[in-house]
Amino acid sequence: MATFPLELVTPEKLLYSEQVQAVQAPGIDGSFGVLAGHASLLTELQVGLIKLTLPSGLDAFIATSGGYMQVNEDKVIILAESAELSEEIDLERAKTAEERARKLLDLPGSGIDAEEVRLGLERARNRIRIAQLRK
């Protein structure tokens, strides 16, 4: 299967820069896939799973909290708000963040930004789910 270069960049670092066979990403209108030769595209990503099919045929899993993906005829670039490879996710930290967010949502009238806490809960649950995909 043909490959193409993928760069995944966060505000902190270049997380991934290698050849891949395919990318599956969490678009705002649903998950979608990209193969070599895909039509040009610029789209927003939401919290979810980025799945890479590597040249070896193995898969790599990345948790993202959203961002943007640009597909050109010869390269894909993902600019992510945050992203972590499944094997680098600190599962205990993610579980602690989930628990903290759930407790904050259970406090009536606490003056919290409930939408921001709900987003934090969604990100924590996504990280937990993807950490459990590691081999």
Protein backbone atom coordinates (compact mmCIF):
# COMPACT_ATOMS: atom_id res chain seq x y z
CA MET A 1 0.00 0.00 0.00
CA ALA A 2 1.25 3.49 -0.83
CA THR A 3 2.51 5.70 1.99
CA PHE A 4 2.62 9.45 2.58
CA PRO A 5 4.26 11.74 5.14
CA LEU A 6 2.31 12.75 8.24
CA GLU A 7 3.30 15.51 10.63
CA LEU A 8 1.43 15.88 13.90
CA VAL A 9 2.30 19.06 15.77
CA THR A 10 1.12 20.34 19.17
CA PRO A 11 1.95 23.74 20.70
CA GLU A 12 4.67 21.97 22.71
CA LYS A 13 6.36 19.74 20.15
CA LEU A 14 6.45 17.82 16.91
CA LEU A 15 4.81 14.62 18.15
CA TYR A 16 5.00 12.56 14.98
CA SER A 17 6.77 12.91 11.63
CA GLU A 18 6.87 9.66 9.66
CA GLN A 19 5.43 7.86 6.67
CA VAL A 20 2.01 6.23 7.15
CA GLN A 21 -0.33 4.14 5.02
CA ALA A 22 -3.54 5.64 6.43
CA VAL A 23 -4.89 8.13 8.98
CA GLN A 24 -8.28 7.92 10.67
CA ALA A 25 -9.26 11.10 12.50
CA PRO A 26 -12.17 12.44 14.59
CA GLY A 27 -13.69 15.15 12.38
CA ILE A 28 -16.36 17.44 13.76
CA ASP A 29 -18.89 15.69 11.51
CA GLY A 30 -17.65 12.19 12.33
CA SER A 31 -14.60 10.01 11.90
CA PHE A 32 -12.97 9.93 8.47
CA GLY A 33 -10.00 8.30 6.79
CA VAL A 34 -7.21 9.46 4.52
CA LEU A 35 -5.12 7.33 2.16
CA ALA A 36 -2.33 8.31 -0.21
CA GLY A 37 -3.64 10.50 -3.02
CA HIS A 38 -6.61 11.83 -1.02
CA ALA A 39 -8.16 15.05 -2.32
CA SER A 40 -7.02 18.26 -0.62
CA LEU A 41 -8.91 18.99 2.56
CA LEU A 42 -8.85 21.30 5.56
CA THR A 43 -11.04 20.27 8.48
CA GLU A 44 -11.49 20.76 12.19
CA LEU A 45 -10.93 17.86 14.58
CA GLN A 46 -12.69 17.14 17.84
CA VAL A 47 -11.72 15.19 20.95
CA GLY A 48 -11.09 11.60 19.96
CA LEU A 49 -8.84 8.95 18.48
CA ILE A 50 -6.33 9.41 15.69
CA LYS A 51 -5.45 5.99 14.32
CA LEU A 52 -2.38 5.61 12.12
CA THR A 53 -1.68 2.60 9.95
CA LEU A 54 2.09 2.33 9.75
CA PRO A 55 4.09 1.03 6.76
CA SER A 56 4.57 -2.23 8.69
CA GLY A 57 0.80 -2.69 8.78
CA LEU A 58 0.69 -2.15 12.55
CA ASP A 59 -1.51 0.57 14.05
CA ALA A 60 -0.57 3.46 16.32
CA PHE A 61 -3.15 5.23 18.47
CA ILE A 62 -3.11 8.89 19.48
CA ALA A 63 -5.46 10.75 21.83
CA THR A 64 -6.25 14.29 20.69
CA SER A 65 -8.28 17.08 22.22
CA GLY A 66 -9.02 18.58 18.82
CA GLY A 67 -7.33 20.82 16.30
CA TYR A 68 -7.08 20.97 12.52
CA MET A 69 -6.03 18.62 9.76
CA GLN A 70 -4.73 19.69 6.37
CA VAL A 71 -4.51 17.13 3.58
CA ASN A 72 -2.48 17.98 0.49
CA GLU A 73 -1.91 15.64 -2.42
CA ASP A 74 1.47 14.59 -1.01
CA LYS A 75 1.37 15.27 2.77
CA VAL A 76 -0.93 15.42 5.82
CA ILE A 77 -0.42 17.90 8.65
CA ILE A 78 -2.32 17.77 11.93
CA LEU A 79 -2.15 20.80 14.20
CA ALA A 80 -3.50 19.49 17.50
CA GLU A 81 -4.40 21.41 20.64
CA SER A 82 -2.91 18.43 22.48
CA ALA A 83 -2.05 14.88 21.48
CA GLU A 84 -0.48 11.86 23.14
CA LEU A 85 0.62 8.50 21.78
CA SER A 86 -1.30 5.74 23.57
CA GLU A 87 1.87 4.31 25.11
CA GLU A 88 2.80 7.73 26.56
CA ILE A 89 -0.52 8.38 28.32
CA ASP A 90 -0.26 8.37 32.10
CA LEU A 91 -3.34 6.27 32.87
CA GLU A 92 -3.42 7.11 36.58
CA ARG A 93 -3.22 10.84 35.84
CA ALA A 94 -6.07 10.52 33.33
CA LYS A 95 -8.19 8.63 35.88
CA THR A 96 -7.47 11.31 38.49
CA ALA A 97 -8.52 14.05 36.04
CA GLU A 98 -11.73 12.14 35.26
CA GLU A 99 -12.57 11.77 38.94
CA ARG A 100 -11.83 15.44 39.66
CA ALA A 101 -14.07 16.58 36.78
CA ARG A 102 -16.91 14.28 37.86
CA LYS A 103 -16.74 15.64 41.41
CA LEU A 104 -16.78 19.25 40.18
CA LEU A 105 -19.87 18.57 38.07
CA ASP A 106 -21.61 17.10 41.14
CA LEU A 107 -21.13 20.32 43.16
CA PRO A 108 -24.22 22.47 42.66
CA GLY A 109 -23.63 26.22 42.64
CA SER A 110 -19.86 25.89 42.92
CA GLY A 111 -19.23 28.71 40.46
CA ILE A 112 -17.39 26.47 38.01
CA ASP A 113 -17.58 26.77 34.25
CA ALA A 114 -19.62 23.60 33.74
CA GLU A 115 -18.96 23.47 29.98
CA GLU A 116 -15.20 23.65 30.52
CA VAL A 117 -15.39 20.92 33.17
CA ARG A 118 -17.49 18.73 30.84
CA LEU A 119 -14.85 19.17 28.12
CA GLY A 120 -12.16 18.22 30.64
CA LEU A 121 -14.15 15.12 31.54
CA GLU A 122 -14.48 14.20 27.85
CA ARG A 123 -10.73 14.64 27.31
CA ALA A 124 -9.90 12.51 30.37
CA ARG A 125 -12.23 9.72 29.28
CA ASN A 126 -10.75 9.82 25.77
CA ARG A 127 -7.22 9.49 27.17
CA ILE A 128 -8.29 6.54 29.34
CA ARG A 129 -9.95 4.77 26.40
CA ILE A 130 -6.94 5.25 24.13
CA ALA A 131 -4.41 4.28 26.79
CA GLN A 132 -6.22 0.96 27.03
CA LEU A 133 -5.63 0.35 23.29
CA ARG A 134 -1.88 0.06 23.72
CA LYS A 135 -0.42 -3.32 23.08
